[in-house]
């Protein structure tokens, strides 16, 4: 019973669209800079650069969203945000990968899946619904 109350308390403090967007942009800029530096050292092929950026993004977000990374990317840590499962538990690496694929789909569809966070009662984007996650404020 106490675990249910704790999970309920965690999942009721969901983060909104703008704070999540700012945290994501911080992460995306960081991943982009690292990708550009590595790409410039390895190759000048734009296709290779895009592939590297996608691969680094996948590794970065999957790691930090999972329990191994504490459920928080660096941008999320700035704003005390955390990704959790809808039952309040931490994500496995597989669940984090599923969320990342869902995020990719959310952006490909004219970003409608990401904008969905602003209008959804549970503040979930398509990627959150696909992976069964919430982004919550930790403090």
Protein backbone atom coordinates (compact mmCIF):
# COMPACT_ATOMS: atom_id res chain seq x y z
CA UNK A 1 0.00 0.00 0.00
CA UNK A 2 2.83 2.43 0.83
CA UNK A 3 4.55 1.67 -2.50
CA UNK A 4 1.34 2.51 -4.36
CA UNK A 5 1.03 5.83 -2.51
CA UNK A 6 4.67 6.64 -3.27
CA UNK A 7 4.22 5.83 -6.97
CA UNK A 8 1.03 7.91 -7.05
CA UNK A 9 2.85 10.86 -5.48
CA UNK A 10 5.65 10.60 -8.02
CA UNK A 11 3.40 10.29 -11.06
CA UNK A 12 1.15 13.22 -10.14
CA UNK A 13 3.88 15.87 -10.49
CA UNK A 14 4.23 15.59 -14.28
CA UNK A 15 6.44 18.03 -16.21
CA UNK A 16 4.91 20.20 -18.90
CA UNK A 17 5.78 20.90 -22.51
CA UNK A 18 8.05 23.97 -22.21
CA UNK A 19 10.33 22.74 -19.44
CA UNK A 20 10.74 19.41 -21.23
CA UNK A 21 11.46 21.20 -24.51
CA UNK A 22 14.18 23.37 -22.96
CA UNK A 23 15.81 20.34 -21.29
CA UNK A 24 15.68 18.40 -24.57
CA UNK A 25 17.21 21.30 -26.52
CA UNK A 26 20.09 21.46 -24.05
CA UNK A 27 20.73 17.75 -24.58
CA UNK A 28 20.33 17.93 -28.37
CA UNK A 29 22.82 20.81 -28.62
CA UNK A 30 25.33 18.89 -26.50
CA UNK A 31 24.94 15.70 -28.55
CA UNK A 32 25.19 17.75 -31.76
CA UNK A 33 28.44 19.40 -30.67
CA UNK A 34 30.02 16.09 -29.69
CA UNK A 35 28.84 14.51 -32.94
CA UNK A 36 30.23 17.38 -35.01
CA UNK A 37 33.64 17.19 -33.34
CA UNK A 38 33.89 13.44 -33.79
CA UNK A 39 32.58 13.64 -37.35
CA UNK A 40 35.06 16.32 -38.35
CA UNK A 41 37.91 14.16 -37.09
CA UNK A 42 36.70 11.03 -38.88
CA UNK A 43 35.03 12.07 -42.12
CA UNK A 44 33.63 14.95 -44.13
CA UNK A 45 30.76 12.87 -45.53
CA UNK A 46 27.42 14.47 -44.48
CA UNK A 47 25.67 11.09 -44.50
CA UNK A 48 28.21 9.69 -42.06
CA UNK A 49 27.75 12.78 -39.88
CA UNK A 50 23.96 12.32 -39.75
CA UNK A 51 24.33 8.64 -38.95
CA UNK A 52 26.82 9.39 -36.19
CA UNK A 53 24.50 12.02 -34.72
CA UNK A 54 21.60 9.53 -34.70
CA UNK A 55 23.76 6.81 -33.12
CA UNK A 56 25.15 9.14 -30.44
CA UNK A 57 21.65 10.42 -29.67
CA UNK A 58 20.39 6.87 -29.33
CA UNK A 59 23.20 5.89 -26.98
CA UNK A 60 22.99 9.11 -24.93
CA UNK A 61 19.24 9.14 -24.38
CA UNK A 62 18.84 5.38 -23.92
CA UNK A 63 21.57 5.34 -21.27
CA UNK A 64 20.45 8.40 -19.31
CA UNK A 65 16.71 7.60 -19.48
CA UNK A 66 17.37 4.08 -18.16
CA UNK A 67 17.97 3.09 -14.54
CA UNK A 68 21.72 2.97 -15.28
CA UNK A 69 21.69 6.71 -16.03
CA UNK A 70 19.31 7.55 -13.21
CA UNK A 71 16.37 8.36 -15.50
CA UNK A 72 17.75 11.85 -16.15
CA UNK A 73 19.71 13.33 -19.03
CA UNK A 74 22.05 16.21 -18.25
CA UNK A 75 19.43 18.72 -19.42
CA UNK A 76 16.79 17.06 -17.27
CA UNK A 77 19.05 17.23 -14.22
CA UNK A 78 19.24 21.02 -14.56
CA UNK A 79 15.45 21.21 -14.15
CA UNK A 80 15.01 18.26 -11.74
CA UNK A 81 13.10 16.18 -14.28
CA UNK A 82 13.10 12.40 -14.49
CA UNK A 83 11.69 9.73 -16.82
CA UNK A 84 9.81 6.97 -15.04
CA UNK A 85 7.44 4.16 -16.00
CA UNK A 86 3.75 4.83 -15.39
CA UNK A 87 3.98 2.58 -12.29
CA UNK A 88 6.78 4.77 -10.85
CA UNK A 89 9.64 2.36 -11.59
CA UNK A 90 12.82 3.08 -13.53
CA UNK A 91 13.21 2.19 -17.21
CA UNK A 92 15.32 -0.68 -18.44
CA UNK A 93 17.66 -0.08 -21.37
CA UNK A 94 15.15 -1.81 -23.66
CA UNK A 95 12.32 0.44 -22.49
CA UNK A 96 14.54 3.50 -22.97
CA UNK A 97 15.34 2.35 -26.53
CA UNK A 98 11.62 1.94 -27.22
CA UNK A 99 11.04 5.46 -25.92
CA UNK A 100 13.79 6.80 -28.20
CA UNK A 101 12.25 5.10 -31.25
CA UNK A 102 8.92 6.61 -30.22
CA UNK A 103 10.56 10.03 -29.95
CA UNK A 104 11.95 9.63 -33.47
CA UNK A 105 8.46 8.77 -34.75
CA UNK A 106 7.01 11.72 -32.81
CA UNK A 107 9.42 14.12 -34.55
CA UNK A 108 9.05 12.58 -38.02
CA UNK A 109 5.28 13.20 -37.94
CA UNK A 110 5.80 16.98 -38.11
CA UNK A 111 6.62 16.92 -34.37
CA UNK A 112 2.93 16.40 -33.59
CA UNK A 113 3.82 13.55 -31.25
CA UNK A 114 6.08 15.85 -29.23
CA UNK A 115 3.65 18.79 -29.22
CA UNK A 116 1.05 16.35 -27.92
CA UNK A 117 2.57 16.82 -24.44
CA UNK A 118 1.10 20.34 -24.29
CA UNK A 119 -2.47 19.12 -24.80
CA UNK A 120 -2.52 15.69 -23.16
CA UNK A 121 -4.17 15.36 -19.73
CA UNK A 122 -1.27 13.16 -18.54
CA UNK A 123 1.36 15.38 -20.21
CA UNK A 124 2.52 12.46 -22.35
CA UNK A 125 3.84 12.67 -25.88
CA UNK A 126 3.43 9.80 -28.31
CA UNK A 127 6.83 8.49 -27.26
CA UNK A 128 5.68 8.44 -23.62
CA UNK A 129 2.49 6.62 -24.54
CA UNK A 130 4.41 4.08 -26.66
CA UNK A 131 6.92 3.39 -23.87
CA UNK A 132 4.51 3.76 -20.94
CA UNK A 133 6.42 6.63 -19.32
CA UNK A 134 5.95 9.97 -17.59
CA UNK A 135 8.40 12.81 -17.16
CA UNK A 136 8.07 14.09 -13.62
CA UNK A 137 9.54 16.83 -11.46
CA UNK A 138 11.67 15.35 -8.68
CA UNK A 139 11.61 18.36 -6.34
